Protein backbone atom coordinates (compact mmCIF):
# COMPACT_ATOMS: atom_id res chain seq x y z
CA MET A 1 66.74 65.04 -108.21
CA PRO A 2 67.94 64.32 -104.34
CA ASP A 3 67.44 67.58 -101.63
CA GLN A 4 70.95 69.53 -102.15
CA ARG A 5 70.21 70.64 -98.76
CA PHE A 6 70.78 67.15 -97.41
CA LYS A 7 73.81 66.61 -95.25
CA PRO A 8 75.57 63.28 -96.21
CA MET A 9 75.26 60.40 -93.45
CA ARG A 10 77.75 57.35 -92.93
CA LEU A 11 75.61 54.39 -92.47
CA ARG A 12 76.77 50.86 -91.78
CA VAL A 13 75.59 47.40 -93.14
CA GLU A 14 74.48 45.94 -89.64
CA SER A 15 73.10 42.45 -91.15
CA VAL A 16 72.50 41.01 -94.36
CA ALA A 17 69.68 38.40 -94.80
CA ARG A 18 68.90 36.06 -98.03
CA ARG A 19 65.59 36.34 -98.74
CA THR A 20 65.72 34.85 -102.90
CA GLU A 21 68.09 33.37 -104.75
CA SER A 22 69.69 36.54 -105.68
CA VAL A 23 67.99 39.33 -103.71
CA TRP A 24 69.15 39.82 -100.02
CA LEU A 25 67.80 41.90 -96.98
CA PHE A 26 70.45 44.93 -96.26
CA THR A 27 70.30 46.32 -92.81
CA LEU A 28 71.87 49.89 -92.26
CA GLN A 29 72.74 51.51 -89.45
CA ALA A 30 74.01 55.06 -88.68
CA ALA A 31 77.54 54.73 -88.46
CA ASP A 32 79.56 55.89 -85.14
CA GLY A 33 78.73 59.74 -84.35
CA GLU A 34 76.12 59.76 -86.87
CA HIS A 35 71.92 60.17 -86.01
CA LEU A 36 70.05 58.07 -88.35
CA GLU A 37 66.35 58.98 -86.68
CA ASP A 38 67.05 62.60 -88.15
CA VAL A 39 66.55 61.74 -91.75
CA LYS A 40 62.69 62.59 -92.26
CA PHE A 41 61.36 60.30 -95.30
CA GLU A 42 58.15 58.92 -97.00
CA PRO A 43 57.11 55.67 -96.86
CA GLY A 44 59.17 54.30 -100.11
CA GLN A 45 61.12 57.03 -100.96
CA VAL A 46 64.16 56.66 -102.98
CA ALA A 47 68.03 56.98 -101.41
CA VAL A 48 70.38 58.32 -102.80
CA LEU A 49 73.36 55.73 -101.69
CA SER A 50 77.36 56.19 -102.28
CA VAL A 51 80.20 53.46 -102.22
CA PRO A 52 83.58 54.61 -102.60
CA GLU A 53 84.87 53.19 -105.69
CA VAL A 54 81.60 52.57 -107.18
CA GLY A 55 79.76 56.03 -107.04
CA GLU A 56 76.52 57.13 -106.32
CA THR A 57 73.07 54.69 -107.23
CA TYR A 58 69.57 55.32 -106.46
CA MET A 59 67.59 52.81 -104.47
CA ALA A 60 64.36 52.60 -103.11
CA ILE A 61 63.82 52.32 -99.00
CA ALA A 62 62.63 49.24 -98.11
CA SER A 63 61.36 50.20 -94.33
CA SER A 64 58.73 52.27 -93.43
CA PRO A 65 60.09 55.36 -91.37
CA ASP A 66 58.52 54.32 -88.42
CA ALA A 67 61.74 52.04 -88.10
CA ARG A 68 63.83 55.35 -87.16
CA HIS A 69 67.18 53.58 -86.30
CA ARG A 70 67.23 52.07 -89.56
CA LEU A 71 67.19 51.75 -92.93
CA GLU A 72 66.53 48.48 -95.18
CA PHE A 73 67.16 47.79 -98.83
CA LEU A 74 66.07 44.72 -100.61
CA VAL A 75 69.08 44.50 -102.72
CA LYS A 76 69.55 42.34 -105.76
CA ASN A 77 73.62 40.89 -107.02
CA GLU A 78 73.36 42.77 -110.08
CA GLY A 79 74.97 45.18 -111.28
CA VAL A 80 78.23 47.27 -110.23
CA PHE A 81 76.49 49.07 -107.11
CA GLY A 82 74.53 45.64 -106.04
CA LYS A 83 77.68 43.02 -106.58
CA LYS A 84 80.17 45.59 -104.72
CA LEU A 85 77.52 45.46 -101.45
CA PHE A 86 77.32 41.55 -101.96
CA ASP A 87 81.18 41.59 -101.86
CA LEU A 88 81.80 43.95 -98.92
CA GLY A 89 78.88 42.50 -96.84
CA HIS A 90 78.61 42.93 -92.94
CA GLU A 91 80.08 45.79 -91.29
CA SER A 92 80.78 47.89 -94.57
CA GLU A 93 80.27 51.21 -94.77
CA VAL A 94 78.19 53.44 -97.61
CA SER A 95 76.75 57.06 -97.78
CA LEU A 96 73.59 58.73 -97.47
CA VAL A 97 74.08 61.61 -99.62
CA GLY A 98 70.32 62.16 -100.83
CA LEU A 99 66.55 61.51 -100.73
CA ALA A 100 64.57 61.18 -104.15
CA GLY A 101 61.05 61.12 -105.73
CA ASP A 102 58.37 61.83 -103.51
CA GLY A 103 57.45 58.19 -102.28
CA PHE A 104 53.96 56.94 -100.92
CA PRO A 105 52.38 59.70 -99.25
CA VAL A 106 49.97 57.47 -97.25
CA ASP A 107 49.00 59.90 -95.19
CA ARG A 108 47.18 61.90 -97.06
CA TYR A 109 44.43 59.10 -97.64
CA TRP A 110 43.24 58.19 -94.40
CA GLY A 111 39.66 56.54 -94.27
CA ARG A 112 40.25 55.56 -97.83
CA ASP A 113 40.61 51.78 -99.42
CA LEU A 114 43.97 51.88 -100.58
CA LEU A 115 45.84 49.65 -103.34
CA PHE A 116 48.90 48.63 -103.60
CA VAL A 117 50.12 46.64 -106.83
CA ALA A 118 54.14 45.37 -107.25
CA SER A 119 55.76 43.51 -109.54
CA GLY A 120 59.34 42.11 -109.52
CA THR A 121 62.11 43.30 -107.02
CA ALA A 122 59.46 46.80 -107.06
CA ILE A 123 58.11 45.19 -104.24
CA ALA A 124 60.43 47.29 -101.98
CA PRO A 125 59.10 50.89 -102.00
CA VAL A 126 55.74 49.16 -101.66
CA ARG A 127 56.77 46.82 -98.60
CA ALA A 128 57.35 50.10 -96.86
CA ALA A 129 54.27 51.46 -97.67
CA VAL A 130 52.11 48.29 -96.73
CA SER A 131 54.11 48.30 -93.51
CA TYR A 132 53.15 51.81 -93.00
CA ALA A 133 49.76 51.75 -93.40
CA ALA A 134 49.20 48.25 -91.74
CA ALA A 135 50.65 49.75 -88.18
CA ARG A 136 48.13 52.41 -89.03
CA ARG A 137 45.54 50.18 -89.86
CA SER A 138 42.14 51.36 -88.37
CA SER A 139 42.86 54.98 -90.04
CA PHE A 140 42.08 53.32 -93.17
CA GLY A 141 39.22 51.46 -95.07
CA LYS A 142 40.55 48.17 -97.02
CA LEU A 143 44.01 47.35 -97.84
CA VAL A 144 44.87 45.03 -100.46
CA LEU A 145 48.01 44.15 -101.85
CA VAL A 146 48.52 42.57 -105.47
CA HIS A 147 52.55 41.41 -106.11
CA GLY A 148 53.40 39.17 -108.81
CA VAL A 149 56.86 37.71 -109.47
CA ARG A 150 58.08 35.42 -112.38
CA HIS A 151 58.86 32.33 -110.14
CA PRO A 152 57.50 31.00 -107.26
CA GLY A 153 60.75 31.25 -105.44
CA ASP A 154 61.35 34.95 -106.30
CA PHE A 155 59.20 36.37 -103.53
CA SER A 156 61.59 38.38 -100.91
CA VAL A 157 58.82 39.61 -98.68
CA ASP A 158 58.03 35.82 -97.45
CA ASP A 159 58.77 37.04 -93.78
CA GLU A 160 56.30 39.89 -93.85
CA VAL A 161 53.16 38.08 -95.81
CA ASP A 162 52.02 36.70 -92.77
CA ALA A 163 52.55 39.64 -91.05
CA TRP A 164 50.23 41.80 -92.81
CA ARG A 165 47.37 39.76 -93.73
CA ARG A 166 47.21 38.83 -89.77
CA ALA A 167 47.11 42.82 -89.76
CA ASP A 168 43.38 42.48 -92.05
CA VAL A 169 45.85 43.40 -95.29
CA ASP A 170 44.08 41.26 -98.31
CA VAL A 171 47.68 40.33 -99.84
CA VAL A 172 47.29 38.44 -103.31
CA LEU A 173 50.38 36.74 -104.94
CA THR A 174 50.87 35.82 -108.53
CA VAL A 175 53.15 34.31 -110.47
CA THR A 176 54.10 34.05 -114.27
CA GLN A 177 56.02 31.01 -114.76
CA PRO A 178 54.67 28.68 -111.74
CA GLY A 179 57.01 25.98 -112.85
CA ASP A 180 56.27 21.95 -111.65
CA GLY A 181 52.56 22.56 -109.97
CA THR A 182 53.60 22.91 -106.68
CA TRP A 183 52.67 26.60 -106.60
CA THR A 184 48.71 27.02 -105.75
CA GLY A 185 48.02 30.70 -105.78
CA SER A 186 47.13 32.90 -109.03
CA THR A 187 48.76 33.02 -112.15
CA GLY A 188 49.42 35.40 -114.70
CA ARG A 189 50.58 38.94 -114.43
CA VAL A 190 49.28 41.82 -111.37
CA GLN A 191 47.14 43.74 -114.53
CA GLY A 192 45.46 40.58 -114.96
CA LEU A 193 43.96 40.73 -111.48
CA LEU A 194 43.04 44.67 -111.24
CA ASP A 195 39.50 43.62 -111.89
CA ARG A 196 38.71 41.72 -109.29
CA VAL A 197 40.31 43.52 -106.30
CA VAL A 198 39.25 46.96 -107.52
CA ARG A 199 35.35 46.02 -107.56
CA ALA A 200 36.02 44.71 -103.84
CA THR A 201 37.12 48.27 -102.74
CA SER A 202 35.16 51.52 -103.08
CA ASN A 203 36.93 54.48 -104.55
CA PRO A 204 40.58 53.17 -104.25
CA VAL A 205 43.68 55.03 -103.91
CA ALA A 206 46.47 52.83 -105.67
CA PHE A 207 50.05 52.61 -105.21
CA VAL A 208 52.08 51.38 -107.97
CA CYS A 209 55.58 50.36 -108.57
CA GLY A 210 57.34 48.17 -111.30
CA SER A 211 58.82 48.39 -114.67
CA PRO A 212 57.92 50.95 -116.63
CA GLU A 213 55.53 48.73 -119.13
CA MET A 214 54.01 47.55 -115.70
CA MET A 215 53.04 50.94 -114.65
CA SER A 216 51.83 51.71 -117.90
CA GLN A 217 49.66 49.05 -118.00
CA THR A 218 48.36 49.13 -114.46
CA THR A 219 47.39 52.86 -114.55
CA GLU A 220 45.32 51.73 -118.20
CA ALA A 221 43.76 48.98 -116.37
CA LEU A 222 42.77 51.07 -113.31
CA GLU A 223 41.29 53.77 -115.44
CA ALA A 224 39.56 51.34 -117.69
CA LEU A 225 38.43 50.06 -113.71
CA GLY A 226 36.79 53.57 -112.90
CA VAL A 227 39.91 54.48 -110.89
CA ASP A 228 40.73 58.29 -111.72
CA ARG A 229 44.64 58.79 -113.07
CA GLU A 230 45.18 61.31 -110.50
CA ARG A 231 44.95 58.77 -107.83
CA VAL A 232 47.55 56.18 -109.43
CA ILE A 233 50.32 57.39 -107.22
CA ARG A 234 54.30 55.81 -108.03
CA ASN A 235 56.72 56.48 -105.74
CA PHE A 236 59.70 57.85 -108.57
């Protein structure tokens, strides 16, 4: 449940950038008279947003807490809330009415190897956590991201991948439907790549986000590889 002590805040859509055919990056800043830098949250925590005539929805924050003057969201053009945001577009206002979930408490694991696992649009909270950890690269051991989507054109973090790799994050991308053969990366579900990446780390902490089925299967796979369940962390 969202924190009942949270003071609602008006936000303005500052920019909208297409990331895939159906997923766009919405950047929100504080509306006049508001102070977004006062909002404290963990990487990957979930925002409770409200739009007039639609109501409230839960949406993972895709930007790092380091971006103190903006919040970013990877929004899919589906559902009542998503379609409304797409219709409203630039300069529209929404309300931040609360925060929910624990996010990914990266700060608790200084010096450790961190493994980030995400499928589909669930990359949003993981994007925030990877960016946060990469900005503090010397404070951790190995940083590994395994991210899978259905088609090669479904990756919504193309702009970040090169920067993460330059920061010495091992980024492993995989698709389940490679299509016409132009895809040269890994294929299959993220669960199928865990054996290789876990064996290349030492006692990692895993941050996982995806469908309930994916998270359950990933947790089981990680446990089978020696990662204790308490070191498999979900953001919500």
